[in-house]
PDB file of all heavy atoms in Angstrom:
ATOM      1  N   ALA A   1     189.560  51.146  33.319  1.00  0.00           N
ATOM      2  CA  ALA A   1     189.899  50.147  32.303  1.00  0.00           C
ATOM      3  C   ALA A   1     190.596  50.705  31.071  1.00  0.00           C
ATOM      4  O   ALA A   1     191.354  50.057  30.473  1.00  0.00           O
ATOM      5  CB  ALA A   1     188.696  49.401  31.893  1.00  0.00           C
ATOM      6  N   ILE A   2     190.449  51.982  30.920  1.00  0.00           N
ATOM      7  CA  ILE A   2     190.896  52.616  29.667  1.00  0.00           C
ATOM      8  C   ILE A   2     191.937  53.721  30.003  1.00  0.00           C
ATOM      9  O   ILE A   2     192.933  53.897  29.337  1.00  0.00           O
ATOM     10  CB  ILE A   2     189.797  53.274  28.822  1.00  0.00           C
ATOM     11  CG1 ILE A   2     188.646  52.250  28.599  1.00  0.00           C
ATOM     12  CG2 ILE A   2     190.309  53.877  27.487  1.00  0.00           C
ATOM     13  CD1 ILE A   2     189.102  51.102  27.807  1.00  0.00           C
ATOM     14  N   VAL A   3     191.691  54.613  31.058  1.00  0.00           N
ATOM     15  CA  VAL A   3     192.450  55.651  31.368  1.00  0.00           C
ATOM     16  C   VAL A   3     192.916  55.613  32.858  1.00  0.00           C
ATOM     17  O   VAL A   3     192.098  55.131  33.680  1.00  0.00           O
ATOM     18  CB  VAL A   3     191.693  57.060  31.233  1.00  0.00           C
ATOM     19  CG1 VAL A   3     192.558  58.278  31.446  1.00  0.00           C
ATOM     20  CG2 VAL A   3     191.092  57.033  29.798  1.00  0.00           C
ATOM     21  N   PRO A   4     194.091  55.985  33.196  1.00  0.00           N
ATOM     22  CA  PRO A   4     194.544  55.859  34.594  1.00  0.00           C
ATOM     23  C   PRO A   4     193.509  56.459  35.652  1.00  0.00           C
ATOM     24  O   PRO A   4     193.005  57.574  35.386  1.00  0.00           O
ATOM     25  CB  PRO A   4     195.834  56.701  34.620  1.00  0.00           C
ATOM     26  CG  PRO A   4     196.364  56.460  33.247  1.00  0.00           C
ATOM     27  CD  PRO A   4     195.204  56.456  32.393  1.00  0.00           C
ATOM     28  N   GLU A   5     193.291  55.629  36.647  1.00  0.00           N
ATOM     29  CA  GLU A   5     192.227  56.076  37.638  1.00  0.00           C
ATOM     30  C   GLU A   5     192.405  57.326  38.340  1.00  0.00           C
ATOM     31  O   GLU A   5     193.424  57.840  38.633  1.00  0.00           O
ATOM     32  CB  GLU A   5     192.146  54.923  38.636  1.00  0.00           C
ATOM     33  CG  GLU A   5     193.331  54.785  39.523  1.00  0.00           C
ATOM     34  CD  GLU A   5     193.311  53.575  40.486  1.00  0.00           C
ATOM     35  OE1 GLU A   5     193.219  52.459  40.037  1.00  0.00           O
ATOM     36  OE2 GLU A   5     193.334  53.853  41.680  1.00  0.00           O
ATOM     37  N   ASN A   6     191.240  57.853  38.697  1.00  0.00           N
ATOM     38  CA  ASN A   6     191.097  59.168  39.455  1.00  0.00           C
ATOM     39  C   ASN A   6     191.917  60.286  38.885  1.00  0.00           C
ATOM     40  O   ASN A   6     192.324  61.201  39.669  1.00  0.00           O
ATOM     41  CB  ASN A   6     191.502  58.831  40.870  1.00  0.00           C
ATOM     42  CG  ASN A   6     190.417  58.112  41.636  1.00  0.00           C
ATOM     43  OD1 ASN A   6     189.246  58.500  41.589  1.00  0.00           O
ATOM     44  ND2 ASN A   6     190.808  57.099  42.449  1.00  0.00           N
ATOM     45  N   THR A   7     192.127  60.311  37.592  1.00  0.00           N
ATOM     46  CA  THR A   7     192.754  61.496  36.862  1.00  0.00           C
ATOM     47  C   THR A   7     191.686  62.359  36.262  1.00  0.00           C
ATOM     48  O   THR A   7     190.544  61.883  35.983  1.00  0.00           O
ATOM     49  CB  THR A   7     193.780  61.023  35.864  1.00  0.00           C
ATOM     50  OG1 THR A   7     193.110  60.171  34.864  1.00  0.00           O
ATOM     51  CG2 THR A   7     194.880  60.162  36.490  1.00  0.00           C
ATOM     52  N   LEU A   8     192.137  63.538  35.884  1.00  0.00           N
ATOM     53  CA  LEU A   8     191.230  64.453  35.142  1.00  0.00           C
ATOM     54  C   LEU A   8     190.931  63.803  33.767  1.00  0.00           C
ATOM     55  O   LEU A   8     189.809  63.982  33.229  1.00  0.00           O
ATOM     56  CB  LEU A   8     191.850  65.795  35.034  1.00  0.00           C
ATOM     57  CG  LEU A   8     191.938  66.644  36.385  1.00  0.00           C
ATOM     58  CD1 LEU A   8     192.547  68.020  36.052  1.00  0.00           C
ATOM     59  CD2 LEU A   8     190.594  66.811  36.998  1.00  0.00           C
ATOM     60  N   ALA A   9     191.969  63.139  33.175  1.00  0.00           N
ATOM     61  CA  ALA A   9     191.758  62.557  31.941  1.00  0.00           C
ATOM     62  C   ALA A   9     190.761  61.398  31.996  1.00  0.00           C
ATOM     63  O   ALA A   9     189.937  61.228  31.058  1.00  0.00           O
ATOM     64  CB  ALA A   9     193.129  61.938  31.446  1.00  0.00           C
ATOM     65  N   ALA A  10     190.641  60.697  32.997  1.00  0.00           N
ATOM     66  CA  ALA A  10     189.669  59.690  33.207  1.00  0.00           C
ATOM     67  C   ALA A  10     188.300  60.220  33.326  1.00  0.00           C
ATOM     68  O   ALA A  10     187.292  59.652  32.799  1.00  0.00           O
ATOM     69  CB  ALA A  10     190.010  58.816  34.507  1.00  0.00           C
ATOM     70  N   MET A  11     188.168  61.282  34.095  1.00  0.00           N
ATOM     71  CA  MET A  11     186.863  61.931  34.227  1.00  0.00           C
ATOM     72  C   MET A  11     186.406  62.508  32.924  1.00  0.00           C
ATOM     73  O   MET A  11     185.274  62.436  32.490  1.00  0.00           O
ATOM     74  CB  MET A  11     186.946  63.063  35.235  1.00  0.00           C
ATOM     75  CG  MET A  11     187.300  62.554  36.599  1.00  0.00           C
ATOM     76  SD  MET A  11     186.361  61.318  37.342  1.00  0.00           S
ATOM     77  CE  MET A  11     187.522  60.507  38.405  1.00  0.00           C
ATOM     78  N   ASP A  12     187.329  63.099  32.177  1.00  0.00           N
ATOM     79  CA  ASP A  12     186.966  63.724  30.856  1.00  0.00           C
ATOM     80  C   ASP A  12     186.553  62.633  29.865  1.00  0.00           C
ATOM     81  O   ASP A  12     185.468  62.777  29.156  1.00  0.00           O
ATOM     82  CB  ASP A  12     188.111  64.445  30.275  1.00  0.00           C
ATOM     83  CG  ASP A  12     187.775  65.102  28.911  1.00  0.00           C
ATOM     84  OD1 ASP A  12     186.953  66.063  29.010  1.00  0.00           O
ATOM     85  OD2 ASP A  12     188.332  64.792  27.951  1.00  0.00           O
ATOM     86  N   TYR A  13     187.241  61.472  29.824  1.00  0.00           N
ATOM     87  CA  TYR A  13     186.908  60.370  29.018  1.00  0.00           C
ATOM     88  C   TYR A  13     185.399  59.855  29.348  1.00  0.00           C
ATOM     89  O   TYR A  13     184.683  59.525  28.496  1.00  0.00           O
ATOM     90  CB  TYR A  13     187.847  59.252  29.111  1.00  0.00           C
ATOM     91  CG  TYR A  13     187.467  57.900  28.501  1.00  0.00           C
ATOM     92  CD1 TYR A  13     187.751  57.680  27.133  1.00  0.00           C
ATOM     93  CD2 TYR A  13     186.860  56.911  29.186  1.00  0.00           C
ATOM     94  CE1 TYR A  13     187.388  56.504  26.473  1.00  0.00           C
ATOM     95  CE2 TYR A  13     186.424  55.679  28.556  1.00  0.00           C
ATOM     96  CZ  TYR A  13     186.710  55.541  27.161  1.00  0.00           C
ATOM     97  OH  TYR A  13     186.323  54.457  26.566  1.00  0.00           O
ATOM     98  N   ALA A  14     185.204  59.752  30.813  1.00  0.00           N
ATOM     99  CA  ALA A  14     183.858  59.272  31.144  1.00  0.00           C
ATOM    100  C   ALA A  14     182.812  60.165  30.742  1.00  0.00           C
ATOM    101  O   ALA A  14     181.698  59.746  30.346  1.00  0.00           O
ATOM    102  CB  ALA A  14     183.859  59.069  32.640  1.00  0.00           C
ATOM    103  N   LEU A  15     183.089  61.525  30.682  1.00  0.00           N
ATOM    104  CA  LEU A  15     182.063  62.477  30.264  1.00  0.00           C
ATOM    105  C   LEU A  15     181.843  62.263  28.807  1.00  0.00           C
ATOM    106  O   LEU A  15     180.750  62.361  28.253  1.00  0.00           O
ATOM    107  CB  LEU A  15     182.483  63.837  30.481  1.00  0.00           C
ATOM    108  CG  LEU A  15     182.618  64.325  32.013  1.00  0.00           C
ATOM    109  CD1 LEU A  15     183.194  65.770  32.089  1.00  0.00           C
ATOM    110  CD2 LEU A  15     181.056  64.420  32.557  1.00  0.00           C
ATOM    111  N   GLU A  16     182.969  62.020  28.004  1.00  0.00           N
ATOM    112  CA  GLU A  16     182.874  61.843  26.571  1.00  0.00           C
ATOM    113  C   GLU A  16     182.002  60.712  26.180  1.00  0.00           C
ATOM    114  O   GLU A  16     181.217  60.866  25.202  1.00  0.00           O
ATOM    115  CB  GLU A  16     184.261  61.708  26.005  1.00  0.00           C
ATOM    116  CG  GLU A  16     184.247  61.547  24.503  1.00  0.00           C
ATOM    117  CD  GLU A  16     185.708  61.400  23.918  1.00  0.00           C
ATOM    118  OE1 GLU A  16     186.654  61.407  24.735  1.00  0.00           O
ATOM    119  OE2 GLU A  16     185.856  61.209  22.751  1.00  0.00           O
ATOM    120  N   VAL A  17     182.044  59.609  26.916  1.00  0.00           N
ATOM    121  CA  VAL A  17     181.342  58.417  26.504  1.00  0.00           C
ATOM    122  C   VAL A  17     179.917  58.522  27.126  1.00  0.00           C
ATOM    123  O   VAL A  17     179.054  57.594  26.783  1.00  0.00           O
ATOM    124  CB  VAL A  17     182.006  57.110  26.979  1.00  0.00           C
ATOM    125  CG1 VAL A  17     183.350  56.996  26.358  1.00  0.00           C
ATOM    126  CG2 VAL A  17     182.121  56.997  28.587  1.00  0.00           C
ATOM    127  N   GLY A  18     179.605  59.421  27.926  1.00  0.00           N
ATOM    128  CA  GLY A  18     178.278  59.614  28.332  1.00  0.00           C
ATOM    129  C   GLY A  18     177.720  58.968  29.610  1.00  0.00           C
ATOM    130  O   GLY A  18     176.596  58.603  29.757  1.00  0.00           O
ATOM    131  N   VAL A  19     178.700  58.936  30.578  1.00  0.00           N
ATOM    132  CA  VAL A  19     178.313  58.405  31.868  1.00  0.00           C
ATOM    133  C   VAL A  19     177.251  59.170  32.541  1.00  0.00           C
ATOM    134  O   VAL A  19     177.105  60.335  32.344  1.00  0.00           O
ATOM    135  CB  VAL A  19     179.476  58.259  32.936  1.00  0.00           C
ATOM    136  CG1 VAL A  19     180.487  57.184  32.346  1.00  0.00           C
ATOM    137  CG2 VAL A  19     180.042  59.599  33.120  1.00  0.00           C
ATOM    138  N   ASP A  20     176.410  58.567  33.451  1.00  0.00           N
ATOM    139  CA  ASP A  20     175.540  59.319  34.239  1.00  0.00           C
ATOM    140  C   ASP A  20     176.188  59.918  35.459  1.00  0.00           C
ATOM    141  O   ASP A  20     175.736  60.873  35.991  1.00  0.00           O
ATOM    142  CB  ASP A  20     174.434  58.354  34.743  1.00  0.00           C
ATOM    143  CG  ASP A  20     173.618  57.713  33.523  1.00  0.00           C
ATOM    144  OD1 ASP A  20     173.041  58.415  32.751  1.00  0.00           O
ATOM    145  OD2 ASP A  20     173.661  56.412  33.402  1.00  0.00           O
ATOM    146  N   THR A  21     177.190  59.181  35.957  1.00  0.00           N
ATOM    147  CA  THR A  21     177.773  59.568  37.300  1.00  0.00           C
ATOM    148  C   THR A  21     179.337  59.298  37.148  1.00  0.00           C
ATOM    149  O   THR A  21     179.752  58.212  36.752  1.00  0.00           O
ATOM    150  CB  THR A  21     177.185  58.767  38.423  1.00  0.00           C
ATOM    151  OG1 THR A  21     175.806  58.960  38.463  1.00  0.00           O
ATOM    152  CG2 THR A  21     177.854  59.174  39.803  1.00  0.00           C
ATOM    153  N   LEU A  22     180.087  60.261  37.625  1.00  0.00           N
ATOM    154  CA  LEU A  22     181.498  60.108  37.837  1.00  0.00           C
ATOM    155  C   LEU A  22     181.774  59.583  39.294  1.00  0.00           C
ATOM    156  O   LEU A  22     181.441  60.218  40.285  1.00  0.00           O
ATOM    157  CB  LEU A  22     182.263  61.421  37.708  1.00  0.00           C
ATOM    158  CG  LEU A  22     182.125  62.098  36.365  1.00  0.00           C
ATOM    159  CD1 LEU A  22     182.712  63.552  36.428  1.00  0.00           C
ATOM    160  CD2 LEU A  22     182.846  61.310  35.256  1.00  0.00           C
ATOM    161  N   GLU A  23     182.231  58.388  39.389  1.00  0.00           N
ATOM    162  CA  GLU A  23     182.602  57.782  40.676  1.00  0.00           C
ATOM    163  C   GLU A  23     184.090  58.089  40.977  1.00  0.00           C
ATOM    164  O   GLU A  23     184.931  57.922  40.077  1.00  0.00           O
ATOM    165  CB  GLU A  23     182.354  56.376  40.745  1.00  0.00           C
ATOM    166  CG  GLU A  23     182.304  55.641  42.099  1.00  0.00           C
ATOM    167  CD  GLU A  23     183.745  55.244  42.582  1.00  0.00           C
ATOM    168  OE1 GLU A  23     184.703  55.323  41.825  1.00  0.00           O
ATOM    169  OE2 GLU A  23     183.792  54.816  43.785  1.00  0.00           O
ATOM    170  N   LEU A  24     184.457  58.598  42.186  1.00  0.00           N
ATOM    171  CA  LEU A  24     185.737  58.939  42.464  1.00  0.00           C
ATOM    172  C   LEU A  24     186.109  58.741  44.066  1.00  0.00           C
ATOM    173  O   LEU A  24     185.102  58.805  44.823  1.00  0.00           O
ATOM    174  CB  LEU A  24     186.119  60.322  41.988  1.00  0.00           C
ATOM    175  CG  LEU A  24     185.166  61.443  42.458  1.00  0.00           C
ATOM    176  CD1 LEU A  24     185.801  62.168  43.659  1.00  0.00           C
ATOM    177  CD2 LEU A  24     184.945  62.497  41.267  1.00  0.00           C
ATOM    178  N   ASP A  25     187.375  58.659  44.310  1.00  0.00           N
ATOM    179  CA  ASP A  25     187.707  58.616  45.801  1.00  0.00           C
ATOM    180  C   ASP A  25     188.487  59.831  46.201  1.00  0.00           C
ATOM    181  O   ASP A  25     189.194  60.450  45.362  1.00  0.00           O
ATOM    182  CB  ASP A  25     188.693  57.377  45.867  1.00  0.00           C
ATOM    183  CG  ASP A  25     188.152  56.141  45.274  1.00  0.00           C
ATOM    184  OD1 ASP A  25     187.211  55.543  45.826  1.00  0.00           O
ATOM    185  OD2 ASP A  25     188.714  55.702  44.224  1.00  0.00           O
ATOM    186  N   LEU A  26     188.297  60.141  47.493  1.00  0.00           N
ATOM    187  CA  LEU A  26     188.939  61.411  47.997  1.00  0.00           C
ATOM    188  C   LEU A  26     189.815  61.029  49.274  1.00  0.00           C
ATOM    189  O   LEU A  26     189.422  60.310  50.149  1.00  0.00           O
ATOM    190  CB  LEU A  26     187.986  62.381  48.408  1.00  0.00           C
ATOM    191  CG  LEU A  26     187.217  63.240  47.337  1.00  0.00           C
ATOM    192  CD1 LEU A  26     186.392  64.312  47.950  1.00  0.00           C
ATOM    193  CD2 LEU A  26     188.178  63.841  46.322  1.00  0.00           C
TER     194      LEU A  26
END
């Protein structure tokens, strides 16, 4: 919703806001 999906930037943002889990597709 905030950062382009499945990017390292999206994962970093999710870590910053304190998620419990990073959900991603492979």
